[in-house]
């Protein structure tokens, strides 16, 4: 029982870290789009969407 509980805590921490990293990537993409060049922001948002899709696939579906 203790081992199963530890694994659940690890999964929650992993999800929190993944969501925080997705937030940072999205924020950086918005920075690129607003401060540097809109094309870079669009590319960054595309990368963010791909990372979010990979997170959902690996974290929930698989």
PDB file of N, CA and C in Angstrom:
ATOM      1  N   UNK A   1       0.832  -1.195   0.000  1.00  0.00           N
ATOM      2  CA  UNK A   1       0.000   0.000   0.000  1.00  0.00           C
ATOM      3  C   UNK A   1       0.875   1.256   0.000  1.00  0.00           C
ATOM      4  N   UNK A   2       1.946   1.243   0.758  1.00  0.00           N
ATOM      5  CA  UNK A   2       2.817   2.412   0.861  1.00  0.00           C
ATOM      6  C   UNK A   2       3.481   2.728  -0.476  1.00  0.00           C
ATOM      7  N   UNK A   3       3.870   1.664  -1.211  1.00  0.00           N
ATOM      8  CA  UNK A   3       4.521   1.855  -2.497  1.00  0.00           C
ATOM      9  C   UNK A   3       3.565   2.491  -3.507  1.00  0.00           C
ATOM     10  N   UNK A   4       2.327   2.074  -3.475  1.00  0.00           N
ATOM     11  CA  UNK A   4       1.325   2.615  -4.394  1.00  0.00           C
ATOM     12  C   UNK A   4       1.063   4.099  -4.101  1.00  0.00           C
ATOM     13  N   UNK A   5       1.035   4.460  -2.830  1.00  0.00           N
ATOM     14  CA  UNK A   5       0.804   5.847  -2.444  1.00  0.00           C
ATOM     15  C   UNK A   5       1.975   6.730  -2.884  1.00  0.00           C
ATOM     16  N   UNK A   6       3.196   6.227  -2.753  1.00  0.00           N
ATOM     17  CA  UNK A   6       4.371   6.980  -3.196  1.00  0.00           C
ATOM     18  C   UNK A   6       4.359   7.216  -4.692  1.00  0.00           C
ATOM     19  N   UNK A   7       3.901   6.217  -5.435  1.00  0.00           N
ATOM     20  CA  UNK A   7       3.823   6.361  -6.886  1.00  0.00           C
ATOM     21  C   UNK A   7       2.783   7.409  -7.274  1.00  0.00           C
ATOM     22  N   UNK A   8       1.683   7.467  -6.550  1.00  0.00           N
ATOM     23  CA  UNK A   8       0.641   8.461  -6.832  1.00  0.00           C
ATOM     24  C   UNK A   8       1.154   9.872  -6.562  1.00  0.00           C
ATOM     25  N   UNK A   9       1.901  10.028  -5.483  1.00  0.00           N
ATOM     26  CA  UNK A   9       2.475  11.341  -5.164  1.00  0.00           C
ATOM     27  C   UNK A   9       3.456  11.748  -6.252  1.00  0.00           C
ATOM     28  N   UNK A  10       4.269  10.815  -6.718  1.00  0.00           N
ATOM     29  CA  UNK A  10       5.219  11.105  -7.788  1.00  0.00           C
ATOM     30  C   UNK A  10       4.506  11.534  -9.064  1.00  0.00           C
ATOM     31  N   UNK A  11       3.391  10.867  -9.390  1.00  0.00           N
ATOM     32  CA  UNK A  11       2.643  11.230 -10.600  1.00  0.00           C
ATOM     33  C   UNK A  11       2.059  12.630 -10.498  1.00  0.00           C
ATOM     34  N   UNK A  12       1.551  12.994  -9.327  1.00  0.00           N
ATOM     35  CA  UNK A  12       0.998  14.339  -9.141  1.00  0.00           C
ATOM     36  C   UNK A  12       2.094  15.385  -9.286  1.00  0.00           C
ATOM     37  N   UNK A  13       3.248  15.133  -8.692  1.00  0.00           N
ATOM     38  CA  UNK A  13       4.363  16.076  -8.796  1.00  0.00           C
ATOM     39  C   UNK A  13       4.824  16.192 -10.247  1.00  0.00           C
ATOM     40  N   UNK A  14       4.874  15.080 -10.969  1.00  0.00           N
ATOM     41  CA  UNK A  14       5.272  15.112 -12.378  1.00  0.00           C
ATOM     42  C   UNK A  14       4.289  15.931 -13.211  1.00  0.00           C
ATOM     43  N   UNK A  15       2.992  15.808 -12.929  1.00  0.00           N
ATOM     44  CA  UNK A  15       1.995  16.597 -13.665  1.00  0.00           C
ATOM     45  C   UNK A  15       2.137  18.085 -13.353  1.00  0.00           C
ATOM     46  N   UNK A  16       2.382  18.421 -12.121  1.00  0.00           N
ATOM     47  CA  UNK A  16       2.557  19.834 -11.737  1.00  0.00           C
ATOM     48  C   UNK A  16       3.772  20.420 -12.441  1.00  0.00           C
ATOM     49  N   UNK A  17       4.858  19.680 -12.483  1.00  0.00           N
ATOM     50  CA  UNK A  17       6.067  20.161 -13.160  1.00  0.00           C
ATOM     51  C   UNK A  17       5.812  20.318 -14.657  1.00  0.00           C
ATOM     52  N   UNK A  18       5.132  19.365 -15.273  1.00  0.00           N
ATOM     53  CA  UNK A  18       4.847  19.443 -16.707  1.00  0.00           C
ATOM     54  C   UNK A  18       3.972  20.644 -17.034  1.00  0.00           C
ATOM     55  N   UNK A  19       2.968  20.892 -16.217  1.00  0.00           N
ATOM     56  CA  UNK A  19       2.083  22.045 -16.453  1.00  0.00           C
ATOM     57  C   UNK A  19       2.845  23.355 -16.267  1.00  0.00           C
ATOM     58  N   UNK A  20       3.720  23.410 -15.266  1.00  0.00           N
ATOM     59  CA  UNK A  20       4.527  24.619 -15.057  1.00  0.00           C
ATOM     60  C   UNK A  20       5.445  24.868 -16.247  1.00  0.00           C
ATOM     61  N   UNK A  21       6.046  23.822 -16.790  1.00  0.00           N
ATOM     62  CA  UNK A  21       6.909  23.982 -17.958  1.00  0.00           C
ATOM     63  C   UNK A  21       6.117  24.409 -19.192  1.00  0.00           C
ATOM     64  N   UNK A  22       4.913  23.854 -19.364  1.00  0.00           N
ATOM     65  CA  UNK A  22       4.067  24.293 -20.478  1.00  0.00           C
ATOM     66  C   UNK A  22       3.704  25.772 -20.345  1.00  0.00           C
ATOM     67  N   UNK A  23       3.452  26.210 -19.127  1.00  0.00           N
ATOM     68  CA  UNK A  23       3.151  27.628 -18.892  1.00  0.00           C
ATOM     69  C   UNK A  23       4.347  28.500 -19.261  1.00  0.00           C
ATOM     70  N   UNK A  24       5.543  28.073 -18.882  1.00  0.00           N
ATOM     71  CA  UNK A  24       6.735  28.848 -19.213  1.00  0.00           C
ATOM     72  C   UNK A  24       6.978  28.903 -20.718  1.00  0.00           C
ATOM     73  N   UNK A  25       6.755  27.798 -21.405  1.00  0.00           N
ATOM     74  CA  UNK A  25       6.933  27.776 -22.863  1.00  0.00           C
ATOM     75  C   UNK A  25       5.915  28.697 -23.532  1.00  0.00           C
ATOM     76  N   UNK A  26       4.666  28.657 -23.070  1.00  0.00           N
ATOM     77  CA  UNK A  26       3.633  29.533 -23.649  1.00  0.00           C
ATOM     78  C   UNK A  26       3.952  30.998 -23.373  1.00  0.00           C
ATOM     79  N   UNK A  27       4.429  31.303 -22.177  1.00  0.00           N
ATOM     80  CA  UNK A  27       4.791  32.681 -21.854  1.00  0.00           C
ATOM     81  C   UNK A  27       5.940  33.168 -22.729  1.00  0.00           C
ATOM     82  N   UNK A  28       6.926  32.312 -22.943  1.00  0.00           N
ATOM     83  CA  UNK A  28       8.047  32.690 -23.793  1.00  0.00           C
ATOM     84  C   UNK A  28       7.592  32.887 -25.238  1.00  0.00           C
ATOM     85  N   UNK A  29       6.664  32.059 -25.692  1.00  0.00           N
ATOM     86  CA  UNK A  29       6.134  32.221 -27.055  1.00  0.00           C
ATOM     87  C   UNK A  29       5.403  33.547 -27.188  1.00  0.00           C
ATOM     88  N   UNK A  30       4.636  33.913 -26.168  1.00  0.00           N
ATOM     89  CA  UNK A  30       3.955  35.210 -26.211  1.00  0.00           C
ATOM     90  C   UNK A  30       4.958  36.355 -26.188  1.00  0.00           C
ATOM     91  N   UNK A  31       6.027  36.218 -25.403  1.00  0.00           N
ATOM     92  CA  UNK A  31       7.078  37.235 -25.383  1.00  0.00           C
ATOM     93  C   UNK A  31       7.691  37.386 -26.766  1.00  0.00           C
ATOM     94  N   UNK A  32       8.002  36.258 -27.397  1.00  0.00           N
ATOM     95  CA  UNK A  32       8.587  36.327 -28.736  1.00  0.00           C
ATOM     96  C   UNK A  32       7.638  37.005 -29.710  1.00  0.00           C
ATOM     97  N   UNK A  33       6.364  36.674 -29.628  1.00  0.00           N
ATOM     98  CA  UNK A  33       5.400  37.250 -30.562  1.00  0.00           C
ATOM     99  C   UNK A  33       5.155  38.725 -30.345  1.00  0.00           C
ATOM    100  N   UNK A  34       5.167  39.153 -29.084  1.00  0.00           N
ATOM    101  CA  UNK A  34       4.856  40.548 -28.794  1.00  0.00           C
ATOM    102  C   UNK A  34       6.075  41.460 -28.817  1.00  0.00           C
ATOM    103  N   UNK A  35       7.236  40.944 -28.467  1.00  0.00           N
ATOM    104  CA  UNK A  35       8.415  41.794 -28.335  1.00  0.00           C
ATOM    105  C   UNK A  35       9.434  41.622 -29.454  1.00  0.00           C
ATOM    106  N   UNK A  36       9.504  40.460 -30.056  1.00  0.00           N
ATOM    107  CA  UNK A  36      10.548  40.206 -31.049  1.00  0.00           C
ATOM    108  C   UNK A  36       9.965  40.284 -32.455  1.00  0.00           C
ATOM    109  N   UNK A  37       9.189  39.266 -32.822  1.00  0.00           N
ATOM    110  CA  UNK A  37       8.584  39.242 -34.152  1.00  0.00           C
ATOM    111  C   UNK A  37       7.374  38.311 -34.104  1.00  0.00           C
ATOM    112  N   UNK A  38       6.266  38.724 -34.700  1.00  0.00           N
ATOM    113  CA  UNK A  38       5.052  37.902 -34.637  1.00  0.00           C
ATOM    114  C   UNK A  38       5.230  36.480 -35.194  1.00  0.00           C
ATOM    115  N   UNK A  39       6.063  36.324 -36.212  1.00  0.00           N
ATOM    116  CA  UNK A  39       6.291  34.988 -36.772  1.00  0.00           C
ATOM    117  C   UNK A  39       6.873  34.047 -35.719  1.00  0.00           C
ATOM    118  N   UNK A  40       7.806  34.537 -34.929  1.00  0.00           N
ATOM    119  CA  UNK A  40       8.406  33.706 -33.878  1.00  0.00           C
ATOM    120  C   UNK A  40       7.367  33.325 -32.824  1.00  0.00           C
ATOM    121  N   UNK A  41       6.469  34.232 -32.541  1.00  0.00           N
ATOM    122  CA  UNK A  41       5.403  33.926 -31.588  1.00  0.00           C
ATOM    123  C   UNK A  41       4.477  32.848 -32.111  1.00  0.00           C
ATOM    124  N   UNK A  42       4.145  32.917 -33.397  1.00  0.00           N
ATOM    125  CA  UNK A  42       3.298  31.885 -34.003  1.00  0.00           C
ATOM    126  C   UNK A  42       3.985  30.520 -33.983  1.00  0.00           C
ATOM    127  N   UNK A  43       5.269  30.514 -34.282  1.00  0.00           N
ATOM    128  CA  UNK A  43       6.019  29.258 -34.225  1.00  0.00           C
ATOM    129  C   UNK A  43       6.052  28.746 -32.790  1.00  0.00           C
ATOM    130  N   UNK A  44       6.271  29.641 -31.845  1.00  0.00           N
ATOM    131  CA  UNK A  44       6.308  29.257 -30.434  1.00  0.00           C
ATOM    132  C   UNK A  44       4.978  28.704 -29.947  1.00  0.00           C
ATOM    133  N   UNK A  45       3.880  29.301 -30.381  1.00  0.00           N
ATOM    134  CA  UNK A  45       2.573  28.772 -29.992  1.00  0.00           C
ATOM    135  C   UNK A  45       2.301  27.413 -30.634  1.00  0.00           C
ATOM    136  N   UNK A  46       2.802  27.210 -31.833  1.00  0.00           N
ATOM    137  CA  UNK A  46       2.695  25.894 -32.457  1.00  0.00           C
ATOM    138  C   UNK A  46       3.480  24.843 -31.684  1.00  0.00           C
ATOM    139  N   UNK A  47       4.678  25.221 -31.244  1.00  0.00           N
ATOM    140  CA  UNK A  47       5.484  24.311 -30.426  1.00  0.00           C
ATOM    141  C   UNK A  47       4.786  24.030 -29.105  1.00  0.00           C
ATOM    142  N   UNK A  48       4.181  25.059 -28.518  1.00  0.00           N
ATOM    143  CA  UNK A  48       3.452  24.885 -27.259  1.00  0.00           C
ATOM    144  C   UNK A  48       2.278  23.926 -27.444  1.00  0.00           C
ATOM    145  N   UNK A  49       1.556  24.065 -28.534  1.00  0.00           N
ATOM    146  CA  UNK A  49       0.429  23.161 -28.800  1.00  0.00           C
ATOM    147  C   UNK A  49       0.917  21.727 -28.992  1.00  0.00           C
ATOM    148  N   UNK A  50       2.040  21.559 -29.682  1.00  0.00           N
ATOM    149  CA  UNK A  50       2.587  20.211 -29.879  1.00  0.00           C
ATOM    150  C   UNK A  50       3.035  19.607 -28.550  1.00  0.00           C
ATOM    151  N   UNK A  51       3.658  20.410 -27.698  1.00  0.00           N
ATOM    152  CA  UNK A  51       4.072  19.913 -26.384  1.00  0.00           C
ATOM    153  C   UNK A  51       2.872  19.572 -25.505  1.00  0.00           C
ATOM    154  N   UNK A  52       1.827  20.377 -25.585  1.00  0.00           N
ATOM    155  CA  UNK A  52       0.616  20.090 -24.810  1.00  0.00           C
ATOM    156  C   UNK A  52      -0.035  18.795 -25.299  1.00  0.00           C
ATOM    157  N   UNK A  53      -0.062  18.586 -26.605  1.00  0.00           N
ATOM    158  CA  UNK A  53      -0.621  17.343 -27.143  1.00  0.00           C
ATOM    159  C   UNK A  53       0.215  16.140 -26.707  1.00  0.00           C
ATOM    160  N   UNK A  54       1.530  16.293 -26.711  1.00  0.00           N
ATOM    161  CA  UNK A  54       2.399  15.206 -26.255  1.00  0.00           C
ATOM    162  C   UNK A  54       2.195  14.930 -24.772  1.00  0.00           C
ATOM    163  N   UNK A  55       1.999  15.983 -23.981  1.00  0.00           N
ATOM    164  CA  UNK A  55       1.748  15.813 -22.546  1.00  0.00           C
ATOM    165  C   UNK A  55       0.445  15.050 -22.305  1.00  0.00           C
ATOM    166  N   UNK A  56      -0.594  15.392 -23.036  1.00  0.00           N
ATOM    167  CA  UNK A  56      -1.873  14.696 -22.874  1.00  0.00           C
ATOM    168  C   UNK A  56      -1.739  13.245 -23.314  1.00  0.00           C
ATOM    169  N   UNK A  57      -1.035  13.010 -24.404  1.00  0.00           N
ATOM    170  CA  UNK A  57      -0.880  11.630 -24.888  1.00  0.00           C
ATOM    171  C   UNK A  57      -0.089  10.779 -23.896  1.00  0.00           C
ATOM    172  N   UNK A  58       1.053  11.281 -23.469  1.00  0.00           N
ATOM    173  CA  UNK A  58       1.913  10.508 -22.578  1.00  0.00           C
ATOM    174  C   UNK A  58       1.331  10.452 -21.162  1.00  0.00           C
ATOM    175  N   UNK A  59       0.753  11.550 -20.710  1.00  0.00           N
ATOM    176  CA  UNK A  59       0.288  11.613 -19.328  1.00  0.00           C
ATOM    177  C   UNK A  59      -1.049  10.960 -19.061  1.00  0.00           C
ATOM    178  N   UNK A  60      -1.912  10.910 -20.058  1.00  0.00           N
ATOM    179  CA  UNK A  60      -3.265  10.427 -19.805  1.00  0.00           C
ATOM    180  C   UNK A  60      -3.697   9.267 -20.708  1.00  0.00           C
ATOM    181  N   UNK A  61      -3.342   9.307 -21.973  1.00  0.00           N
ATOM    182  CA  UNK A  61      -3.858   8.315 -22.903  1.00  0.00           C
ATOM    183  C   UNK A  61      -3.036   7.029 -22.864  1.00  0.00           C
ATOM    184  N   UNK A  62      -1.732   7.153 -22.920  1.00  0.00           N
ATOM    185  CA  UNK A  62      -0.868   5.977 -22.970  1.00  0.00           C
ATOM    186  C   UNK A  62      -0.749   5.290 -21.651  1.00  0.00           C
TER     187      UNK A  62
END
